[in-house]
Amino acid sequence: MQKFVFGMPTLIELSNIEECVAVCKDLGLHFIEINMNMPQYQIGIIDIKSLKKAYDCGIFFTFHLDENFNIADFNNEITNGYLRTIQLTIDIAKMLNVSVINMHMAEGVHFKLPNGKIYLFEKYNDFYMNSLKKFKDYCIEWVTGSRIKICIENCSGYLPFQIKGIEYLLESDVFQLTYDIGHSYCAKNIDEQFIMENKKGIYHMHIHDAQGDKCHLVLGSGNIDLKEKLSLAKSQNCCCVVETKSLSGLRESVKYLQNL
């Protein structure tokens, strides 16, 4: 079972994994979430030797898939590319004993009509669900023999077809939830009921403060009840990414946690 510990994201101010590891050690954090949106952390480019060296020194990693990741795209060439990406990411995760691969649930394209939006994944829901089935079956096969969990992160509020899809994925214990407390606050807590109904699936957390429509704020500078959220994280043995976007914000947030 994983431990209740804190980590950091790969900040845009830090050029490579060595710089991230140095900050991680300096702040007394336990892990780094590799953001695969960045060019230096792409499949085929990522410095696996440096990651192994850091892992041997006591720093571990989680992966955050590209936010464009869309496993139900109607273009099969694109979908196959994303399937290959998740397969190779799982291969690297196995090499590094990574336990969490974080992903967003794509909402896809929508058409704006005079009376509202029509989401294509809702209109063509059979296609959408069949794509998720293919994704689910492959992931179950690929993670075999490891402790990897693919964790689905809440963002701007789940749409009904996304909830249906997530519920289907959660039928396998390969899939779990990432609870992003700042995103939830800025989405006016629209996902809270669903997340709490599936609380046993919360495996990973992104923690940052929020106020109004601004998130990724320094811990203690916004309106989130952080003690409540951290109590939940502890009860679930979550590894928690302190997801502020700047180095100064990360340092201030770590001080907040130490004082807490």
C-alpha atoms as a PDB file:
ATOM      1  CA  MET A   1       0.000   0.000   0.000  1.00  0.00           C
ATOM      2  CA  GLN A   2       1.252   3.481  -0.833  1.00  0.00           C
ATOM      3  CA  LYS A   3       1.882   6.034   1.916  1.00  0.00           C
ATOM      4  CA  PHE A   4       0.342   9.434   2.626  1.00  0.00           C
ATOM      5  CA  VAL A   5       3.157  11.637   1.325  1.00  0.00           C
ATOM      6  CA  PHE A   6       3.675  14.892  -0.561  1.00  0.00           C
ATOM      7  CA  GLY A   7       5.319  15.579  -3.889  1.00  0.00           C
ATOM      8  CA  MET A   8       5.811  18.318  -6.472  1.00  0.00           C
ATOM      9  CA  PRO A   9       5.055  18.833 -10.165  1.00  0.00           C
ATOM     10  CA  THR A  10       7.696  19.335 -12.855  1.00  0.00           C
ATOM     11  CA  LEU A  11       7.657  23.136 -12.765  1.00  0.00           C
ATOM     12  CA  ILE A  12       8.152  25.130 -15.959  1.00  0.00           C
ATOM     13  CA  GLU A  13      10.951  27.084 -14.221  1.00  0.00           C
ATOM     14  CA  LEU A  14      12.998  23.894 -13.903  1.00  0.00           C
ATOM     15  CA  SER A  15      14.615  22.722 -17.136  1.00  0.00           C
ATOM     16  CA  ASN A  16      15.236  19.045 -16.436  1.00  0.00           C
ATOM     17  CA  ILE A  17      14.678  16.217 -14.022  1.00  0.00           C
ATOM     18  CA  GLU A  18      17.955  16.850 -12.195  1.00  0.00           C
ATOM     19  CA  GLU A  19      16.795  20.351 -11.217  1.00  0.00           C
ATOM     20  CA  CYS A  20      13.439  18.947 -10.091  1.00  0.00           C
ATOM     21  CA  VAL A  21      15.143  16.291  -7.980  1.00  0.00           C
ATOM     22  CA  ALA A  22      17.359  18.903  -6.311  1.00  0.00           C
ATOM     23  CA  VAL A  23      14.303  20.985  -5.336  1.00  0.00           C
ATOM     24  CA  CYS A  24      12.402  17.888  -4.214  1.00  0.00           C
ATOM     25  CA  LYS A  25      15.228  16.883  -1.878  1.00  0.00           C
ATOM     26  CA  ASP A  26      15.744  20.439  -0.616  1.00  0.00           C
ATOM     27  CA  LEU A  27      12.080  20.747   0.351  1.00  0.00           C
ATOM     28  CA  GLY A  28      11.906  17.312   1.955  1.00  0.00           C
ATOM     29  CA  LEU A  29       9.291  16.059  -0.511  1.00  0.00           C
ATOM     30  CA  HIS A  30       8.967  12.427  -1.536  1.00  0.00           C
ATOM     31  CA  PHE A  31       8.098  12.365  -5.219  1.00  0.00           C
ATOM     32  CA  ILE A  32       7.828  14.272  -8.499  1.00  0.00           C
ATOM     33  CA  GLU A  33       4.872  14.163 -10.889  1.00  0.00           C
ATOM     34  CA  ILE A  34       6.255  14.063 -14.420  1.00  0.00           C
ATOM     35  CA  ASN A  35       4.150  16.325 -16.646  1.00  0.00           C
ATOM     36  CA  MET A  36       4.085  14.735 -20.084  1.00  0.00           C
ATOM     37  CA  ASN A  37       2.769  17.914 -21.685  1.00  0.00           C
ATOM     38  CA  MET A  38       6.357  19.221 -21.618  1.00  0.00           C
ATOM     39  CA  PRO A  39       8.664  18.414 -24.551  1.00  0.00           C
ATOM     40  CA  GLN A  40      11.495  17.038 -22.370  1.00  0.00           C
ATOM     41  CA  TYR A  41       9.178  14.414 -20.862  1.00  0.00           C
ATOM     42  CA  GLN A  42       7.868  12.893 -24.080  1.00  0.00           C
ATOM     43  CA  ILE A  43       8.147   9.179 -24.873  1.00  0.00           C
ATOM     44  CA  GLY A  44      11.530   8.579 -26.516  1.00  0.00           C
ATOM     45  CA  ILE A  45      13.000  11.786 -25.085  1.00  0.00           C
ATOM     46  CA  ILE A  46      12.479  11.424 -21.337  1.00  0.00           C
ATOM     47  CA  ASP A  47      15.762  10.785 -19.475  1.00  0.00           C
ATOM     48  CA  ILE A  48      15.086   7.366 -17.971  1.00  0.00           C
ATOM     49  CA  LYS A  49      18.640   6.997 -16.641  1.00  0.00           C
ATOM     50  CA  SER A  50      18.274  10.165 -14.554  1.00  0.00           C
ATOM     51  CA  LEU A  51      14.884   8.990 -13.299  1.00  0.00           C
ATOM     52  CA  LYS A  52      16.365   5.646 -12.244  1.00  0.00           C
ATOM     53  CA  LYS A  53      19.218   7.400 -10.481  1.00  0.00           C
ATOM     54  CA  ALA A  54      16.776   9.610  -8.545  1.00  0.00           C
ATOM     55  CA  TYR A  55      14.608   6.596  -7.694  1.00  0.00           C
ATOM     56  CA  ASP A  56      17.665   4.782  -6.298  1.00  0.00           C
ATOM     57  CA  CYS A  57      18.295   7.839  -4.081  1.00  0.00           C
ATOM     58  CA  GLY A  58      14.783   7.703  -2.596  1.00  0.00           C
ATOM     59  CA  ILE A  59      12.738   9.955  -4.896  1.00  0.00           C
ATOM     60  CA  PHE A  60       9.823   8.295  -6.651  1.00  0.00           C
ATOM     61  CA  PHE A  61       7.630   9.435  -9.548  1.00  0.00           C
ATOM     62  CA  THR A  62       4.089   9.658 -10.810  1.00  0.00           C
ATOM     63  CA  PHE A  63       3.128  10.461 -14.410  1.00  0.00           C
ATOM     64  CA  HIS A  64       0.647  13.056 -15.667  1.00  0.00           C
ATOM     65  CA  LEU A  65      -0.420  12.214 -19.218  1.00  0.00           C
ATOM     66  CA  ASP A  66      -0.683  14.888 -21.903  1.00  0.00           C
ATOM     67  CA  GLU A  67      -3.893  16.837 -21.297  1.00  0.00           C
ATOM     68  CA  ASN A  68      -4.853  16.335 -24.965  1.00  0.00           C
ATOM     69  CA  PHE A  69      -5.065  12.585 -24.296  1.00  0.00           C
ATOM     70  CA  ASN A  70      -8.315  11.485 -25.929  1.00  0.00           C
ATOM     71  CA  ILE A  71      -8.871   7.779 -26.090  1.00  0.00           C
ATOM     72  CA  ALA A  72     -12.236   8.096 -27.889  1.00  0.00           C
ATOM     73  CA  ASP A  73     -11.272  10.346 -30.797  1.00  0.00           C
ATOM     74  CA  PHE A  74     -13.286   9.491 -33.921  1.00  0.00           C
ATOM     75  CA  ASN A  75     -10.061   9.389 -35.956  1.00  0.00           C
ATOM     76  CA  ASN A  76      -8.636   5.894 -35.452  1.00  0.00           C
ATOM     77  CA  GLU A  77      -5.103   7.034 -36.303  1.00  0.00           C
ATOM     78  CA  ILE A  78      -5.207   9.509 -33.424  1.00  0.00           C
ATOM     79  CA  THR A  79      -6.757   6.999 -31.031  1.00  0.00           C
ATOM     80  CA  ASN A  80      -4.137   4.396 -31.929  1.00  0.00           C
ATOM     81  CA  GLY A  81      -1.428   6.976 -31.242  1.00  0.00           C
ATOM     82  CA  TYR A  82      -2.819   7.595 -27.766  1.00  0.00           C
ATOM     83  CA  LEU A  83      -3.128   3.846 -27.123  1.00  0.00           C
ATOM     84  CA  ARG A  84       0.531   3.452 -28.079  1.00  0.00           C
ATOM     85  CA  THR A  85       1.397   6.377 -25.787  1.00  0.00           C
ATOM     86  CA  ILE A  86      -0.311   4.843 -22.755  1.00  0.00           C
ATOM     87  CA  GLN A  87       1.266   1.456 -23.489  1.00  0.00           C
ATOM     88  CA  LEU A  88       4.776   2.933 -23.624  1.00  0.00           C
ATOM     89  CA  THR A  89       4.094   5.056 -20.538  1.00  0.00           C
ATOM     90  CA  ILE A  90       3.068   1.914 -18.654  1.00  0.00           C
ATOM     91  CA  ASP A  91       6.294   0.210 -19.824  1.00  0.00           C
ATOM     92  CA  ILE A  92       8.368   3.074 -18.391  1.00  0.00           C
ATOM     93  CA  ALA A  93       6.261   3.130 -15.232  1.00  0.00           C
ATOM     94  CA  LYS A  94       7.019  -0.560 -14.689  1.00  0.00           C
ATOM     95  CA  MET A  95      10.751   0.086 -15.039  1.00  0.00           C
ATOM     96  CA  LEU A  96      10.578   2.824 -12.381  1.00  0.00           C
ATOM     97  CA  ASN A  97       8.063   1.130 -10.059  1.00  0.00           C
ATOM     98  CA  VAL A  98       5.627   4.004 -10.656  1.00  0.00           C
ATOM     99  CA  SER A  99       2.214   3.468  -9.057  1.00  0.00           C
ATOM    100  CA  VAL A 100       0.191   6.391 -10.516  1.00  0.00           C
ATOM    101  CA  ILE A 101      -0.521   7.492 -14.074  1.00  0.00           C
ATOM    102  CA  ASN A 102      -2.804  10.535 -13.970  1.00  0.00           C
ATOM    103  CA  MET A 103      -5.149  11.358 -16.846  1.00  0.00           C
ATOM    104  CA  HIS A 104      -7.884  13.827 -17.772  1.00  0.00           C
ATOM    105  CA  MET A 105     -11.188  12.598 -19.180  1.00  0.00           C
ATOM    106  CA  ALA A 106     -11.591  14.340 -22.550  1.00  0.00           C
ATOM    107  CA  GLU A 107     -14.943  15.977 -23.218  1.00  0.00           C
ATOM    108  CA  GLY A 108     -14.369  16.020 -26.975  1.00  0.00           C
ATOM    109  CA  VAL A 109     -15.910  18.359 -29.528  1.00  0.00           C
ATOM    110  CA  HIS A 110     -19.277  20.039 -29.099  1.00  0.00           C
ATOM    111  CA  PHE A 111     -21.597  21.871 -31.475  1.00  0.00           C
ATOM    112  CA  LYS A 112     -23.200  25.104 -30.323  1.00  0.00           C
ATOM    113  CA  LEU A 113     -26.862  25.349 -31.226  1.00  0.00           C
ATOM    114  CA  PRO A 114     -29.342  28.124 -30.356  1.00  0.00           C
ATOM    115  CA  ASN A 115     -30.746  26.030 -27.515  1.00  0.00           C
ATOM    116  CA  GLY A 116     -27.403  24.815 -26.109  1.00  0.00           C
ATOM    117  CA  LYS A 117     -24.425  22.541 -26.716  1.00  0.00           C
ATOM    118  CA  ILE A 118     -24.448  19.063 -28.192  1.00  0.00           C
ATOM    119  CA  TYR A 119     -21.388  16.993 -27.271  1.00  0.00           C
ATOM    120  CA  LEU A 120     -20.413  14.479 -29.915  1.00  0.00           C
ATOM    121  CA  PHE A 121     -19.455  11.878 -27.291  1.00  0.00           C
ATOM    122  CA  GLU A 122     -23.004  12.127 -25.987  1.00  0.00           C
ATOM    123  CA  LYS A 123     -24.619  12.091 -29.431  1.00  0.00           C
ATOM    124  CA  TYR A 124     -22.541   9.088 -30.511  1.00  0.00           C
ATOM    125  CA  ASN A 125     -22.389   7.442 -27.111  1.00  0.00           C
ATOM    126  CA  ASP A 126     -22.143   3.868 -28.383  1.00  0.00           C
ATOM    127  CA  PHE A 127     -18.924   4.753 -30.192  1.00  0.00           C
ATOM    128  CA  TYR A 128     -17.648   6.545 -27.075  1.00  0.00           C
ATOM    129  CA  MET A 129     -18.358   3.625 -24.739  1.00  0.00           C
ATOM    130  CA  ASN A 130     -16.889   1.097 -27.176  1.00  0.00           C
ATOM    131  CA  SER A 131     -13.696   3.168 -27.293  1.00  0.00           C
ATOM    132  CA  LEU A 132     -13.536   3.192 -23.489  1.00  0.00           C
ATOM    133  CA  LYS A 133     -14.027  -0.588 -23.439  1.00  0.00           C
ATOM    134  CA  LYS A 134     -11.075  -1.042 -25.788  1.00  0.00           C
ATOM    135  CA  PHE A 135      -8.973   1.325 -23.669  1.00  0.00           C
ATOM    136  CA  LYS A 136      -9.971  -0.420 -20.437  1.00  0.00           C
ATOM    137  CA  ASP A 137      -9.246  -3.919 -21.752  1.00  0.00           C
ATOM    138  CA  TYR A 138      -5.825  -2.919 -23.079  1.00  0.00           C
ATOM    139  CA  CYS A 139      -4.843  -1.130 -19.855  1.00  0.00           C
ATOM    140  CA  ILE A 140      -5.833  -4.101 -17.708  1.00  0.00           C
ATOM    141  CA  GLU A 141      -3.628  -6.277 -19.922  1.00  0.00           C
ATOM    142  CA  TRP A 142      -0.690  -3.869 -19.980  1.00  0.00           C
ATOM    143  CA  VAL A 143      -0.485  -3.180 -16.225  1.00  0.00           C
ATOM    144  CA  THR A 144      -0.517  -6.882 -15.321  1.00  0.00           C
ATOM    145  CA  GLY A 145       2.278  -7.720 -12.898  1.00  0.00           C
ATOM    146  CA  SER A 146       2.566  -4.158 -11.573  1.00  0.00           C
ATOM    147  CA  ARG A 147       0.923  -1.954  -8.939  1.00  0.00           C
ATOM    148  CA  ILE A 148       0.060   0.776 -11.471  1.00  0.00           C
ATOM    149  CA  LYS A 149      -3.219   2.645 -11.072  1.00  0.00           C
ATOM    150  CA  ILE A 150      -4.565   4.884 -13.829  1.00  0.00           C
ATOM    151  CA  CYS A 151      -6.130   7.801 -11.968  1.00  0.00           C
ATOM    152  CA  ILE A 152      -8.795  10.002 -13.554  1.00  0.00           C
ATOM    153  CA  GLU A 153      -8.601  13.667 -12.531  1.00  0.00           C
ATOM    154  CA  ASN A 154     -11.573  16.000 -12.127  1.00  0.00           C
ATOM    155  CA  CYS A 155     -11.218  19.307 -13.999  1.00  0.00           C
ATOM    156  CA  SER A 156     -14.015  21.742 -14.875  1.00  0.00           C
ATOM    157  CA  GLY A 157     -16.999  19.582 -13.951  1.00  0.00           C
ATOM    158  CA  TYR A 158     -17.876  16.175 -15.340  1.00  0.00           C
ATOM    159  CA  LEU A 159     -20.552  15.940 -18.002  1.00  0.00           C
ATOM    160  CA  PRO A 160     -23.137  13.113 -17.775  1.00  0.00           C
ATOM    161  CA  PHE A 161     -21.483  10.996 -20.479  1.00  0.00           C
ATOM    162  CA  GLN A 162     -18.118  11.382 -18.719  1.00  0.00           C
ATOM    163  CA  ILE A 163     -19.581  10.192 -15.419  1.00  0.00           C
ATOM    164  CA  LYS A 164     -21.041   7.157 -17.180  1.00  0.00           C
ATOM    165  CA  GLY A 165     -17.643   6.452 -18.732  1.00  0.00           C
ATOM    166  CA  ILE A 166     -15.734   6.874 -15.467  1.00  0.00           C
ATOM    167  CA  GLU A 167     -18.153   4.601 -13.627  1.00  0.00           C
ATOM    168  CA  TYR A 168     -17.505   1.972 -16.291  1.00  0.00           C
ATOM    169  CA  LEU A 169     -13.721   2.310 -15.942  1.00  0.00           C
ATOM    170  CA  LEU A 170     -13.912   2.179 -12.136  1.00  0.00           C
ATOM    171  CA  GLU A 171     -15.425  -1.297 -12.383  1.00  0.00           C
ATOM    172  CA  SER A 172     -11.782  -2.383 -12.689  1.00  0.00           C
ATOM    173  CA  ASP A 173      -9.450  -1.631  -9.777  1.00  0.00           C
ATOM    174  CA  VAL A 174      -6.798  -0.680 -12.349  1.00  0.00           C
ATOM    175  CA  PHE A 175      -8.683   2.630 -12.594  1.00  0.00           C
ATOM    176  CA  GLN A 176      -8.933   4.998  -9.637  1.00  0.00           C
ATOM    177  CA  LEU A 177      -9.578   8.712  -9.043  1.00  0.00           C
ATOM    178  CA  THR A 178      -7.355  11.742  -8.696  1.00  0.00           C
ATOM    179  CA  TYR A 179      -9.137  14.291  -6.533  1.00  0.00           C
ATOM    180  CA  ASP A 180      -8.026  17.802  -7.497  1.00  0.00           C
ATOM    181  CA  ILE A 181      -9.375  19.986  -4.702  1.00  0.00           C
ATOM    182  CA  GLY A 182      -8.681  23.301  -6.450  1.00  0.00           C
ATOM    183  CA  HIS A 183     -10.392  22.269  -9.670  1.00  0.00           C
ATOM    184  CA  SER A 184     -13.374  21.075  -7.666  1.00  0.00           C
ATOM    185  CA  TYR A 185     -13.663  24.403  -5.849  1.00  0.00           C
ATOM    186  CA  CYS A 186     -13.449  26.451  -9.059  1.00  0.00           C
ATOM    187  CA  ALA A 187     -16.088  24.210 -10.664  1.00  0.00           C
ATOM    188  CA  LYS A 188     -18.384  25.185  -7.769  1.00  0.00           C
ATOM    189  CA  ASN A 189     -18.049  21.684  -6.298  1.00  0.00           C
ATOM    190  CA  ILE A 190     -20.177  20.176  -9.060  1.00  0.00           C
ATOM    191  CA  ASP A 191     -18.158  16.930  -8.923  1.00  0.00           C
ATOM    192  CA  GLU A 192     -18.137  16.597  -5.133  1.00  0.00           C
ATOM    193  CA  GLN A 193     -21.147  14.302  -4.885  1.00  0.00           C
ATOM    194  CA  PHE A 194     -19.784  11.918  -7.509  1.00  0.00           C
ATOM    195  CA  ILE A 195     -16.297  11.933  -5.976  1.00  0.00           C
ATOM    196  CA  MET A 196     -17.589  11.310  -2.451  1.00  0.00           C
ATOM    197  CA  GLU A 197     -19.900   8.542  -3.663  1.00  0.00           C
ATOM    198  CA  ASN A 198     -16.770   6.919  -5.072  1.00  0.00           C
ATOM    199  CA  LYS A 199     -14.502   7.900  -2.180  1.00  0.00           C
ATOM    200  CA  LYS A 200     -12.959   4.448  -1.963  1.00  0.00           C
ATOM    201  CA  GLY A 201     -11.550   5.107  -5.439  1.00  0.00           C
ATOM    202  CA  ILE A 202      -9.609   8.237  -4.419  1.00  0.00           C
ATOM    203  CA  TYR A 203      -5.994   7.116  -4.782  1.00  0.00           C
ATOM    204  CA  HIS A 204      -4.153  10.302  -5.708  1.00  0.00           C
ATOM    205  CA  MET A 205      -4.692  13.997  -4.921  1.00  0.00           C
ATOM    206  CA  HIS A 206      -3.661  17.351  -6.349  1.00  0.00           C
ATOM    207  CA  ILE A 207      -3.666  19.944  -3.593  1.00  0.00           C
ATOM    208  CA  HIS A 208      -3.587  23.697  -4.071  1.00  0.00           C
ATOM    209  CA  ASP A 209      -5.708  26.524  -2.793  1.00  0.00           C
ATOM    210  CA  ALA A 210      -8.359  28.429  -4.709  1.00  0.00           C
ATOM    211  CA  GLN A 211     -10.443  31.579  -4.496  1.00  0.00           C
ATOM    212  CA  GLY A 212     -13.220  32.586  -6.856  1.00  0.00           C
ATOM    213  CA  ASP A 213     -12.246  31.237 -10.269  1.00  0.00           C
ATOM    214  CA  LYS A 214      -8.509  31.176  -9.510  1.00  0.00           C
ATOM    215  CA  CYS A 215      -6.831  27.931  -8.536  1.00  0.00           C
ATOM    216  CA  HIS A 216      -3.268  26.619  -8.154  1.00  0.00           C
ATOM    217  CA  LEU A 217      -2.824  29.208  -5.384  1.00  0.00           C
ATOM    218  CA  VAL A 218      -0.381  28.855  -2.493  1.00  0.00           C
ATOM    219  CA  LEU A 219      -1.746  26.665   0.277  1.00  0.00           C
ATOM    220  CA  GLY A 220      -3.421  28.806   2.921  1.00  0.00           C
ATOM    221  CA  SER A 221      -4.032  31.767   0.611  1.00  0.00           C
ATOM    222  CA  GLY A 222      -7.531  30.816  -0.556  1.00  0.00           C
ATOM    223  CA  ASN A 223     -10.861  29.549   0.710  1.00  0.00           C
ATOM    224  CA  ILE A 224     -10.485  25.754   0.673  1.00  0.00           C
ATOM    225  CA  ASP A 225     -10.800  23.898   3.978  1.00  0.00           C
ATOM    226  CA  LEU A 226      -7.356  22.341   3.669  1.00  0.00           C
ATOM    227  CA  LYS A 227      -7.429  20.519   6.999  1.00  0.00           C
ATOM    228  CA  GLU A 228     -10.550  18.670   5.879  1.00  0.00           C
ATOM    229  CA  LYS A 229      -9.039  17.749   2.521  1.00  0.00           C
ATOM    230  CA  LEU A 230      -5.739  16.630   4.040  1.00  0.00           C
ATOM    231  CA  SER A 231      -7.613  14.503   6.565  1.00  0.00           C
ATOM    232  CA  LEU A 232      -9.326  12.771   3.644  1.00  0.00           C
ATOM    233  CA  ALA A 233      -5.980  12.300   1.882  1.00  0.00           C
ATOM    234  CA  LYS A 234      -4.498  10.732   5.010  1.00  0.00           C
ATOM    235  CA  SER A 235      -7.449   8.382   5.462  1.00  0.00           C
ATOM    236  CA  GLN A 236      -7.059   7.215   1.851  1.00  0.00           C
ATOM    237  CA  ASN A 237      -3.232   6.977   1.992  1.00  0.00           C
ATOM    238  CA  CYS A 238      -3.032   9.301  -1.014  1.00  0.00           C
ATOM    239  CA  CYS A 239       0.172  10.610  -2.476  1.00  0.00           C
ATOM    240  CA  CYS A 240      -0.493  14.347  -2.815  1.00  0.00           C
ATOM    241  CA  VAL A 241       1.021  16.633  -5.447  1.00  0.00           C
ATOM    242  CA  VAL A 242       1.450  20.182  -4.125  1.00  0.00           C
ATOM    243  CA  GLU A 243       0.311  21.613  -7.441  1.00  0.00           C
ATOM    244  CA  THR A 244       1.282  25.245  -7.365  1.00  0.00           C
ATOM    245  CA  LYS A 245       2.768  26.385 -10.666  1.00  0.00           C
ATOM    246  CA  SER A 246       5.809  28.359  -9.487  1.00  0.00           C
ATOM    247  CA  LEU A 247       8.856  27.495  -7.422  1.00  0.00           C
ATOM    248  CA  SER A 248       8.161  30.315  -4.949  1.00  0.00           C
ATOM    249  CA  GLY A 249       4.563  29.109  -4.573  1.00  0.00           C
ATOM    250  CA  LEU A 250       5.767  25.561  -3.963  1.00  0.00           C
ATOM    251  CA  ARG A 251       8.190  26.734  -1.258  1.00  0.00           C
ATOM    252  CA  GLU A 252       5.473  28.759   0.494  1.00  0.00           C
ATOM    253  CA  SER A 253       3.057  25.842   0.306  1.00  0.00           C
ATOM    254  CA  VAL A 254       5.569  23.433   1.822  1.00  0.00           C
ATOM    255  CA  LYS A 255       6.105  25.897   4.695  1.00  0.00           C
ATOM    256  CA  TYR A 256       2.332  25.958   5.207  1.00  0.00           C
ATOM    257  CA  LEU A 257       2.250  22.165   5.435  1.00  0.00           C
ATOM    258  CA  GLN A 258       5.165  22.134   7.875  1.00  0.00           C
ATOM    259  CA  ASN A 259       3.432  24.689  10.116  1.00  0.00           C
ATOM    260  CA  LEU A 260       0.151  22.805   9.869  1.00  0.00           C
END
